[in-house]
Amino acid sequence: MEVPDLGPYAKENWPDSEKGYAAMVTRLDKQVGDLLAKLKQLGLEQNTIVIFTGDNGPHKEGGYDPTFFNSSGRFAHQTRSLRRRHP
């Protein structure tokens, strides 16, 4: 879970793993935004479908705590978990 830098989260009073996670998400958001802006600049935004998907849910790798940002939302557990959340 290497990230080039912790960006705007470097001075937050959070564990480093959560700072890194937030920095990665922010970096990804910016890059997707750059892609969408480029499509618009080229006049392709109306005729282009952008699909973004991930193959994993929240995880505990690298010391990250998936409960810190409520990464599972209303869904249960983390990657590789076979348990279900009961209503």
PDB file of N, CA and C in Angstrom:
ATOM      1  N   MET A   1       0.842  -1.184   0.000  1.00  0.00           N
ATOM      2  CA  MET A   1       0.000   0.000   0.000  1.00  0.00           C
ATOM      3  C   MET A   1       0.889   1.250   0.000  1.00  0.00           C
ATOM      4  N   GLU A   2       1.682   1.358  -1.038  1.00  0.00           N
ATOM      5  CA  GLU A   2       2.536   2.529  -1.148  1.00  0.00           C
ATOM      6  C   GLU A   2       1.764   3.654  -1.819  1.00  0.00           C
ATOM      7  N   VAL A   3       1.961   4.825  -1.311  1.00  0.00           N
ATOM      8  CA  VAL A   3       1.337   6.010  -1.887  1.00  0.00           C
ATOM      9  C   VAL A   3       2.445   7.071  -1.996  1.00  0.00           C
ATOM     10  N   PRO A   4       2.487   7.818  -3.107  1.00  0.00           N
ATOM     11  CA  PRO A   4       3.595   8.770  -3.294  1.00  0.00           C
ATOM     12  C   PRO A   4       3.761   9.767  -2.150  1.00  0.00           C
ATOM     13  N   ASP A   5       2.658  10.248  -1.626  1.00  0.00           N
ATOM     14  CA  ASP A   5       2.704  11.141  -0.461  1.00  0.00           C
ATOM     15  C   ASP A   5       1.332  11.146   0.193  1.00  0.00           C
ATOM     16  N   LEU A   6       1.264  11.695   1.371  1.00  0.00           N
ATOM     17  CA  LEU A   6       0.008  11.712   2.127  1.00  0.00           C
ATOM     18  C   LEU A   6      -0.855  12.917   1.800  1.00  0.00           C
ATOM     19  N   GLY A   7      -0.366  13.765   0.893  1.00  0.00           N
ATOM     20  CA  GLY A   7      -1.144  14.901   0.420  1.00  0.00           C
ATOM     21  C   GLY A   7      -1.715  15.744   1.535  1.00  0.00           C
ATOM     22  N   PRO A   8      -2.977  16.152   1.389  1.00  0.00           N
ATOM     23  CA  PRO A   8      -3.588  17.047   2.375  1.00  0.00           C
ATOM     24  C   PRO A   8      -3.844  16.374   3.723  1.00  0.00           C
ATOM     25  N   TYR A   9      -3.587  15.077   3.807  1.00  0.00           N
ATOM     26  CA  TYR A   9      -3.882  14.347   5.039  1.00  0.00           C
ATOM     27  C   TYR A   9      -2.648  14.149   5.921  1.00  0.00           C
ATOM     28  N   ALA A  10      -1.497  14.632   5.470  1.00  0.00           N
ATOM     29  CA  ALA A  10      -0.242  14.416   6.194  1.00  0.00           C
ATOM     30  C   ALA A  10      -0.307  14.920   7.637  1.00  0.00           C
ATOM     31  N   LYS A  11      -1.016  15.998   7.873  1.00  0.00           N
ATOM     32  CA  LYS A  11      -1.049  16.589   9.218  1.00  0.00           C
ATOM     33  C   LYS A  11      -2.280  16.196  10.030  1.00  0.00           C
ATOM     34  N   GLU A  12      -3.111  15.324   9.458  1.00  0.00           N
ATOM     35  CA  GLU A  12      -4.284  14.860  10.210  1.00  0.00           C
ATOM     36  C   GLU A  12      -3.837  14.011  11.398  1.00  0.00           C
ATOM     37  N   ASN A  13      -4.624  14.016  12.422  1.00  0.00           N
ATOM     38  CA  ASN A  13      -4.339  13.221  13.614  1.00  0.00           C
ATOM     39  C   ASN A  13      -4.937  11.822  13.432  1.00  0.00           C
ATOM     40  N   TRP A  14      -4.510  11.152  12.366  1.00  0.00           N
ATOM     41  CA  TRP A  14      -4.979   9.819  12.019  1.00  0.00           C
ATOM     42  C   TRP A  14      -3.780   8.885  11.966  1.00  0.00           C
ATOM     43  N   PRO A  15      -4.010   7.600  12.064  1.00  0.00           N
ATOM     44  CA  PRO A  15      -2.911   6.646  11.823  1.00  0.00           C
ATOM     45  C   PRO A  15      -2.417   6.791  10.380  1.00  0.00           C
ATOM     46  N   ASP A  16      -1.136   6.511  10.158  1.00  0.00           N
ATOM     47  CA  ASP A  16      -0.558   6.658   8.817  1.00  0.00           C
ATOM     48  C   ASP A  16      -1.272   5.809   7.771  1.00  0.00           C
ATOM     49  N   SER A  17      -1.738   4.625   8.159  1.00  0.00           N
ATOM     50  CA  SER A  17      -2.425   3.779   7.177  1.00  0.00           C
ATOM     51  C   SER A  17      -3.706   4.438   6.677  1.00  0.00           C
ATOM     52  N   GLU A  18      -4.422   5.142   7.549  1.00  0.00           N
ATOM     53  CA  GLU A  18      -5.643   5.832   7.134  1.00  0.00           C
ATOM     54  C   GLU A  18      -5.320   7.072   6.304  1.00  0.00           C
ATOM     55  N   LYS A  19      -4.234   7.753   6.656  1.00  0.00           N
ATOM     56  CA  LYS A  19      -3.794   8.892   5.835  1.00  0.00           C
ATOM     57  C   LYS A  19      -3.471   8.415   4.417  1.00  0.00           C
ATOM     58  N   GLY A  20      -2.773   7.285   4.326  1.00  0.00           N
ATOM     59  CA  GLY A  20      -2.419   6.735   3.022  1.00  0.00           C
ATOM     60  C   GLY A  20      -3.644   6.337   2.220  1.00  0.00           C
ATOM     61  N   TYR A  21      -4.610   5.716   2.894  1.00  0.00           N
ATOM     62  CA  TYR A  21      -5.851   5.322   2.217  1.00  0.00           C
ATOM     63  C   TYR A  21      -6.583   6.551   1.683  1.00  0.00           C
ATOM     64  N   ALA A  22      -6.715   7.569   2.521  1.00  0.00           N
ATOM     65  CA  ALA A  22      -7.397   8.799   2.093  1.00  0.00           C
ATOM     66  C   ALA A  22      -6.652   9.453   0.938  1.00  0.00           C
ATOM     67  N   ALA A  23      -5.328   9.440   0.984  1.00  0.00           N
ATOM     68  CA  ALA A  23      -4.531  10.030  -0.095  1.00  0.00           C
ATOM     69  C   ALA A  23      -4.726   9.252  -1.395  1.00  0.00           C
ATOM     70  N   MET A  24      -4.790   7.915  -1.318  1.00  0.00           N
ATOM     71  CA  MET A  24      -5.004   7.110  -2.520  1.00  0.00           C
ATOM     72  C   MET A  24      -6.375   7.393  -3.126  1.00  0.00           C
ATOM     73  N   VAL A  25      -7.401   7.477  -2.293  1.00  0.00           N
ATOM     74  CA  VAL A  25      -8.749   7.742  -2.802  1.00  0.00           C
ATOM     75  C   VAL A  25      -8.807   9.135  -3.437  1.00  0.00           C
ATOM     76  N   THR A  26      -8.197  10.110  -2.785  1.00  0.00           N
ATOM     77  CA  THR A  26      -8.174  11.469  -3.324  1.00  0.00           C
ATOM     78  C   THR A  26      -7.435  11.504  -4.654  1.00  0.00           C
ATOM     79  N   ARG A  27      -6.310  10.794  -4.737  1.00  0.00           N
ATOM     80  CA  ARG A  27      -5.533  10.738  -5.979  1.00  0.00           C
ATOM     81  C   ARG A  27      -6.354  10.096  -7.098  1.00  0.00           C
ATOM     82  N   LEU A  28      -7.030   9.003  -6.784  1.00  0.00           N
ATOM     83  CA  LEU A  28      -7.873   8.336  -7.772  1.00  0.00           C
ATOM     84  C   LEU A  28      -9.006   9.258  -8.232  1.00  0.00           C
ATOM     85  N   ASP A  29      -9.664   9.917  -7.290  1.00  0.00           N
ATOM     86  CA  ASP A  29     -10.748  10.844  -7.643  1.00  0.00           C
ATOM     87  C   ASP A  29     -10.252  11.922  -8.604  1.00  0.00           C
ATOM     88  N   LYS A  30      -9.063  12.474  -8.338  1.00  0.00           N
ATOM     89  CA  LYS A  30      -8.517  13.507  -9.211  1.00  0.00           C
ATOM     90  C   LYS A  30      -8.230  12.953 -10.599  1.00  0.00           C
ATOM     91  N   GLN A  31      -7.661  11.753 -10.665  1.00  0.00           N
ATOM     92  CA  GLN A  31      -7.329  11.180 -11.964  1.00  0.00           C
ATOM     93  C   GLN A  31      -8.579  10.861 -12.779  1.00  0.00           C
ATOM     94  N   VAL A  32      -9.620  10.375 -12.135  1.00  0.00           N
ATOM     95  CA  VAL A  32     -10.885  10.143 -12.841  1.00  0.00           C
ATOM     96  C   VAL A  32     -11.460  11.482 -13.315  1.00  0.00           C
ATOM     97  N   GLY A  33     -11.373  12.491 -12.465  1.00  0.00           N
ATOM     98  CA  GLY A  33     -11.829  13.824 -12.867  1.00  0.00           C
ATOM     99  C   GLY A  33     -11.052  14.360 -14.061  1.00  0.00           C
ATOM    100  N   ASP A  34      -9.733  14.129 -14.068  1.00  0.00           N
ATOM    101  CA  ASP A  34      -8.906  14.549 -15.207  1.00  0.00           C
ATOM    102  C   ASP A  34      -9.342  13.839 -16.485  1.00  0.00           C
ATOM    103  N   LEU A  35      -9.623  12.550 -16.373  1.00  0.00           N
ATOM    104  CA  LEU A  35     -10.082  11.787 -17.533  1.00  0.00           C
ATOM    105  C   LEU A  35     -11.408  12.332 -18.059  1.00  0.00           C
ATOM    106  N   LEU A  36     -12.349  12.585 -17.168  1.00  0.00           N
ATOM    107  CA  LEU A  36     -13.648  13.127 -17.587  1.00  0.00           C
ATOM    108  C   LEU A  36     -13.499  14.509 -18.213  1.00  0.00           C
ATOM    109  N   ALA A  37     -12.600  15.329 -17.655  1.00  0.00           N
ATOM    110  CA  ALA A  37     -12.357  16.664 -18.227  1.00  0.00           C
ATOM    111  C   ALA A  37     -11.766  16.554 -19.628  1.00  0.00           C
ATOM    112  N   LYS A  38     -10.862  15.593 -19.830  1.00  0.00           N
ATOM    113  CA  LYS A  38     -10.260  15.402 -21.151  1.00  0.00           C
ATOM    114  C   LYS A  38     -11.305  14.958 -22.170  1.00  0.00           C
ATOM    115  N   LEU A  39     -12.182  14.058 -21.764  1.00  0.00           N
ATOM    116  CA  LEU A  39     -13.268  13.636 -22.656  1.00  0.00           C
ATOM    117  C   LEU A  39     -14.132  14.823 -23.049  1.00  0.00           C
ATOM    118  N   LYS A  40     -14.419  15.690 -22.087  1.00  0.00           N
ATOM    119  CA  LYS A  40     -15.227  16.874 -22.372  1.00  0.00           C
ATOM    120  C   LYS A  40     -14.480  17.822 -23.317  1.00  0.00           C
ATOM    121  N   GLN A  41     -13.194  18.014 -23.043  1.00  0.00           N
ATOM    122  CA  GLN A  41     -12.374  18.887 -23.892  1.00  0.00           C
ATOM    123  C   GLN A  41     -12.357  18.391 -25.338  1.00  0.00           C
ATOM    124  N   LEU A  42     -12.345  17.085 -25.526  1.00  0.00           N
ATOM    125  CA  LEU A  42     -12.317  16.499 -26.859  1.00  0.00           C
ATOM    126  C   LEU A  42     -13.712  16.365 -27.473  1.00  0.00           C
ATOM    127  N   GLY A  43     -14.748  16.759 -26.708  1.00  0.00           N
ATOM    128  CA  GLY A  43     -16.114  16.670 -27.204  1.00  0.00           C
ATOM    129  C   GLY A  43     -16.644  15.242 -27.242  1.00  0.00           C
ATOM    130  N   LEU A  44     -16.093  14.387 -26.404  1.00  0.00           N
ATOM    131  CA  LEU A  44     -16.478  12.979 -26.413  1.00  0.00           C
ATOM    132  C   LEU A  44     -17.336  12.567 -25.222  1.00  0.00           C
ATOM    133  N   GLU A  45     -17.605  13.481 -24.318  1.00  0.00           N
ATOM    134  CA  GLU A  45     -18.301  13.090 -23.076  1.00  0.00           C
ATOM    135  C   GLU A  45     -19.720  12.590 -23.299  1.00  0.00           C
ATOM    136  N   GLN A  46     -20.383  13.032 -24.352  1.00  0.00           N
ATOM    137  CA  GLN A  46     -21.752  12.599 -24.608  1.00  0.00           C
ATOM    138  C   GLN A  46     -21.826  11.228 -25.283  1.00  0.00           C
ATOM    139  N   ASN A  47     -20.718  10.789 -25.876  1.00  0.00           N
ATOM    140  CA  ASN A  47     -20.701   9.523 -26.605  1.00  0.00           C
ATOM    141  C   ASN A  47     -19.753   8.501 -25.991  1.00  0.00           C
ATOM    142  N   THR A  48     -19.398   8.700 -24.752  1.00  0.00           N
ATOM    143  CA  THR A  48     -18.449   7.811 -24.089  1.00  0.00           C
ATOM    144  C   THR A  48     -19.037   7.333 -22.762  1.00  0.00           C
ATOM    145  N   ILE A  49     -18.942   6.064 -22.542  1.00  0.00           N
ATOM    146  CA  ILE A  49     -19.345   5.494 -21.256  1.00  0.00           C
ATOM    147  C   ILE A  49     -18.072   5.208 -20.467  1.00  0.00           C
ATOM    148  N   VAL A  50     -18.005   5.720 -19.268  1.00  0.00           N
ATOM    149  CA  VAL A  50     -16.875   5.443 -18.392  1.00  0.00           C
ATOM    150  C   VAL A  50     -17.376   4.542 -17.281  1.00  0.00           C
ATOM    151  N   ILE A  51     -16.759   3.393 -17.167  1.00  0.00           N
ATOM    152  CA  ILE A  51     -17.140   2.441 -16.124  1.00  0.00           C
ATOM    153  C   ILE A  51     -15.937   2.250 -15.218  1.00  0.00           C
ATOM    154  N   PHE A  52     -16.149   2.461 -13.960  1.00  0.00           N
ATOM    155  CA  PHE A  52     -15.090   2.258 -12.978  1.00  0.00           C
ATOM    156  C   PHE A  52     -15.556   1.195 -12.004  1.00  0.00           C
ATOM    157  N   THR A  53     -14.748   0.202 -11.830  1.00  0.00           N
ATOM    158  CA  THR A  53     -15.101  -0.863 -10.900  1.00  0.00           C
ATOM    159  C   THR A  53     -13.850  -1.356 -10.200  1.00  0.00           C
ATOM    160  N   GLY A  54     -14.028  -1.922  -9.047  1.00  0.00           N
ATOM    161  CA  GLY A  54     -12.922  -2.506  -8.303  1.00  0.00           C
ATOM    162  C   GLY A  54     -13.209  -3.962  -8.034  1.00  0.00           C
ATOM    163  N   ASP A  55     -12.170  -4.716  -7.812  1.00  0.00           N
ATOM    164  CA  ASP A  55     -12.361  -6.143  -7.569  1.00  0.00           C
ATOM    165  C   ASP A  55     -12.286  -6.499  -6.090  1.00  0.00           C
ATOM    166  N   ASN A  56     -12.168  -5.523  -5.246  1.00  0.00           N
ATOM    167  CA  ASN A  56     -12.064  -5.782  -3.811  1.00  0.00           C
ATOM    168  C   ASN A  56     -12.966  -4.844  -3.030  1.00  0.00           C
ATOM    169  N   GLY A  57     -13.346  -5.305  -1.894  1.00  0.00           N
ATOM    170  CA  GLY A  57     -14.035  -4.445  -0.944  1.00  0.00           C
ATOM    171  C   GLY A  57     -13.010  -3.929   0.062  1.00  0.00           C
ATOM    172  N   PRO A  58     -13.467  -3.386   1.151  1.00  0.00           N
ATOM    173  CA  PRO A  58     -12.546  -2.921   2.188  1.00  0.00           C
ATOM    174  C   PRO A  58     -11.670  -4.080   2.662  1.00  0.00           C
ATOM    175  N   HIS A  59     -10.488  -3.765   3.132  1.00  0.00           N
ATOM    176  CA  HIS A  59      -9.536  -4.791   3.565  1.00  0.00           C
ATOM    177  C   HIS A  59      -8.777  -4.310   4.790  1.00  0.00           C
ATOM    178  N   LYS A  60      -7.964  -5.169   5.323  1.00  0.00           N
ATOM    179  CA  LYS A  60      -7.151  -4.829   6.487  1.00  0.00           C
ATOM    180  C   LYS A  60      -5.662  -4.839   6.166  1.00  0.00           C
ATOM    181  N   GLU A  61      -5.289  -4.959   4.893  1.00  0.00           N
ATOM    182  CA  GLU A  61      -3.887  -4.988   4.510  1.00  0.00           C
ATOM    183  C   GLU A  61      -3.212  -3.661   4.842  1.00  0.00           C
ATOM    184  N   GLY A  62      -1.930  -3.745   5.128  1.00  0.00           N
ATOM    185  CA  GLY A  62      -1.146  -2.541   5.397  1.00  0.00           C
ATOM    186  C   GLY A  62      -1.530  -1.841   6.684  1.00  0.00           C
ATOM    187  N   GLY A  63      -2.257  -2.518   7.555  1.00  0.00           N
ATOM    188  CA  GLY A  63      -2.651  -1.907   8.818  1.00  0.00           C
ATOM    189  C   GLY A  63      -3.891  -1.040   8.730  1.00  0.00           C
ATOM    190  N   TYR A  64      -4.513  -0.967   7.558  1.00  0.00           N
ATOM    191  CA  TYR A  64      -5.709  -0.134   7.391  1.00  0.00           C
ATOM    192  C   TYR A  64      -6.870  -0.725   8.167  1.00  0.00           C
ATOM    193  N   ASP A  65      -7.617   0.132   8.833  1.00  0.00           N
ATOM    194  CA  ASP A  65      -8.797  -0.261   9.597  1.00  0.00           C
ATOM    195  C   ASP A  65     -10.036   0.120   8.803  1.00  0.00           C
ATOM    196  N   PRO A  66     -10.761  -0.856   8.217  1.00  0.00           N
ATOM    197  CA  PRO A  66     -11.906  -0.525   7.369  1.00  0.00           C
ATOM    198  C   PRO A  66     -13.054   0.157   8.103  1.00  0.00           C
ATOM    199  N   THR A  67     -13.037   0.139   9.419  1.00  0.00           N
ATOM    200  CA  THR A  67     -14.092   0.837  10.159  1.00  0.00           C
ATOM    201  C   THR A  67     -13.786   2.328  10.330  1.00  0.00           C
ATOM    202  N   PHE A  68     -12.542   2.734  10.095  1.00  0.00           N
ATOM    203  CA  PHE A  68     -12.133   4.130  10.318  1.00  0.00           C
ATOM    204  C   PHE A  68     -12.970   5.107   9.500  1.00  0.00           C
ATOM    205  N   PHE A  69     -13.155   4.826   8.217  1.00  0.00           N
ATOM    206  CA  PHE A  69     -13.971   5.671   7.344  1.00  0.00           C
ATOM    207  C   PHE A  69     -15.316   5.026   7.024  1.00  0.00           C
ATOM    208  N   ASN A  70     -15.687   3.985   7.763  1.00  0.00           N
ATOM    209  CA  ASN A  70     -16.912   3.229   7.502  1.00  0.00           C
ATOM    210  C   ASN A  70     -16.918   2.740   6.049  1.00  0.00           C
ATOM    211  N   SER A  71     -15.792   2.162   5.631  1.00  0.00           N
ATOM    212  CA  SER A  71     -15.609   1.762   4.236  1.00  0.00           C
ATOM    213  C   SER A  71     -16.601   0.716   3.753  1.00  0.00           C
ATOM    214  N   SER A  72     -17.148  -0.086   4.649  1.00  0.00           N
ATOM    215  CA  SER A  72     -18.116  -1.108   4.232  1.00  0.00           C
ATOM    216  C   SER A  72     -19.511  -0.523   4.055  1.00  0.00           C
ATOM    217  N   GLY A  73     -19.712   0.670   4.575  1.00  0.00           N
ATOM    218  CA  GLY A  73     -21.049   1.259   4.491  1.00  0.00           C
ATOM    219  C   GLY A  73     -22.070   0.332   5.128  1.00  0.00           C
ATOM    220  N   ARG A  74     -23.146   0.098   4.418  1.00  0.00           N
ATOM    221  CA  ARG A  74     -24.196  -0.772   4.947  1.00  0.00           C
ATOM    222  C   ARG A  74     -23.908  -2.246   4.702  1.00  0.00           C
ATOM    223  N   PHE A  75     -22.807  -2.533   4.009  1.00  0.00           N
ATOM    224  CA  PHE A  75     -22.466  -3.916   3.713  1.00  0.00           C
ATOM    225  C   PHE A  75     -21.591  -4.505   4.814  1.00  0.00           C
ATOM    226  N   ALA A  76     -21.518  -5.800   4.845  1.00  0.00           N
ATOM    227  CA  ALA A  76     -20.820  -6.482   5.938  1.00  0.00           C
ATOM    228  C   ALA A  76     -19.359  -6.753   5.611  1.00  0.00           C
ATOM    229  N   HIS A  77     -18.536  -6.574   6.587  1.00  0.00           N
ATOM    230  CA  HIS A  77     -17.183  -7.103   6.641  1.00  0.00           C
ATOM    231  C   HIS A  77     -16.243  -6.578   5.562  1.00  0.00           C
ATOM    232  N   GLN A  78     -15.243  -7.403   5.213  1.00  0.00           N
ATOM    233  CA  GLN A  78     -14.194  -6.970   4.298  1.00  0.00           C
ATOM    234  C   GLN A  78     -13.971  -8.006   3.198  1.00  0.00           C
ATOM    235  N   THR A  79     -12.976  -7.699   2.352  1.00  0.00           N
ATOM    236  CA  THR A  79     -12.560  -8.618   1.298  1.00  0.00           C
ATOM    237  C   THR A  79     -12.274  -9.984   1.899  1.00  0.00           C
ATOM    238  N   ARG A  80     -12.660 -10.997   1.200  1.00  0.00           N
ATOM    239  CA  ARG A  80     -12.466 -12.402   1.577  1.00  0.00           C
ATOM    240  C   ARG A  80     -13.313 -12.830   2.774  1.00  0.00           C
ATOM    241  N   SER A  81     -14.271 -12.049   3.172  1.00  0.00           N
ATOM    242  CA  SER A  81     -15.154 -12.421   4.272  1.00  0.00           C
ATOM    243  C   SER A  81     -16.355 -13.167   3.700  1.00  0.00           C
ATOM    244  N   LEU A  82     -16.708 -14.254   4.319  1.00  0.00           N
ATOM    245  CA  LEU A  82     -17.867 -15.023   3.860  1.00  0.00           C
ATOM    246  C   LEU A  82     -19.086 -14.812   4.747  1.00  0.00           C
ATOM    247  N   ARG A  83     -18.936 -13.987   5.761  1.00  0.00           N
ATOM    248  CA  ARG A  83     -20.055 -13.752   6.674  1.00  0.00           C
ATOM    249  C   ARG A  83     -21.014 -12.718   6.089  1.00  0.00           C
ATOM    250  N   ARG A  84     -22.270 -12.829   6.491  1.00  0.00           N
ATOM    251  CA  ARG A  84     -23.279 -11.860   6.076  1.00  0.00           C
ATOM    252  C   ARG A  84     -23.688 -11.022   7.273  1.00  0.00           C
ATOM    253  N   ARG A  85     -24.065  -9.802   7.004  1.00  0.00           N
ATOM    254  CA  ARG A  85     -24.619  -8.951   8.055  1.00  0.00           C
ATOM    255  C   ARG A  85     -26.082  -9.281   8.197  1.00  0.00           C
ATOM    256  N   HIS A  86     -26.516  -9.467   9.405  1.00  0.00           N
ATOM    257  CA  HIS A  86     -27.923  -9.781   9.651  1.00  0.00           C
ATOM    258  C   HIS A  86     -28.690  -8.497   9.885  1.00  0.00           C
ATOM    259  N   PRO A  87     -29.944  -8.449   9.421  1.00  0.00           N
ATOM    260  CA  PRO A  87     -30.738  -7.212   9.574  1.00  0.00           C
ATOM    261  C   PRO A  87     -30.958  -6.843  11.021  1.00  0.00           C
TER     262      PRO A  87
END
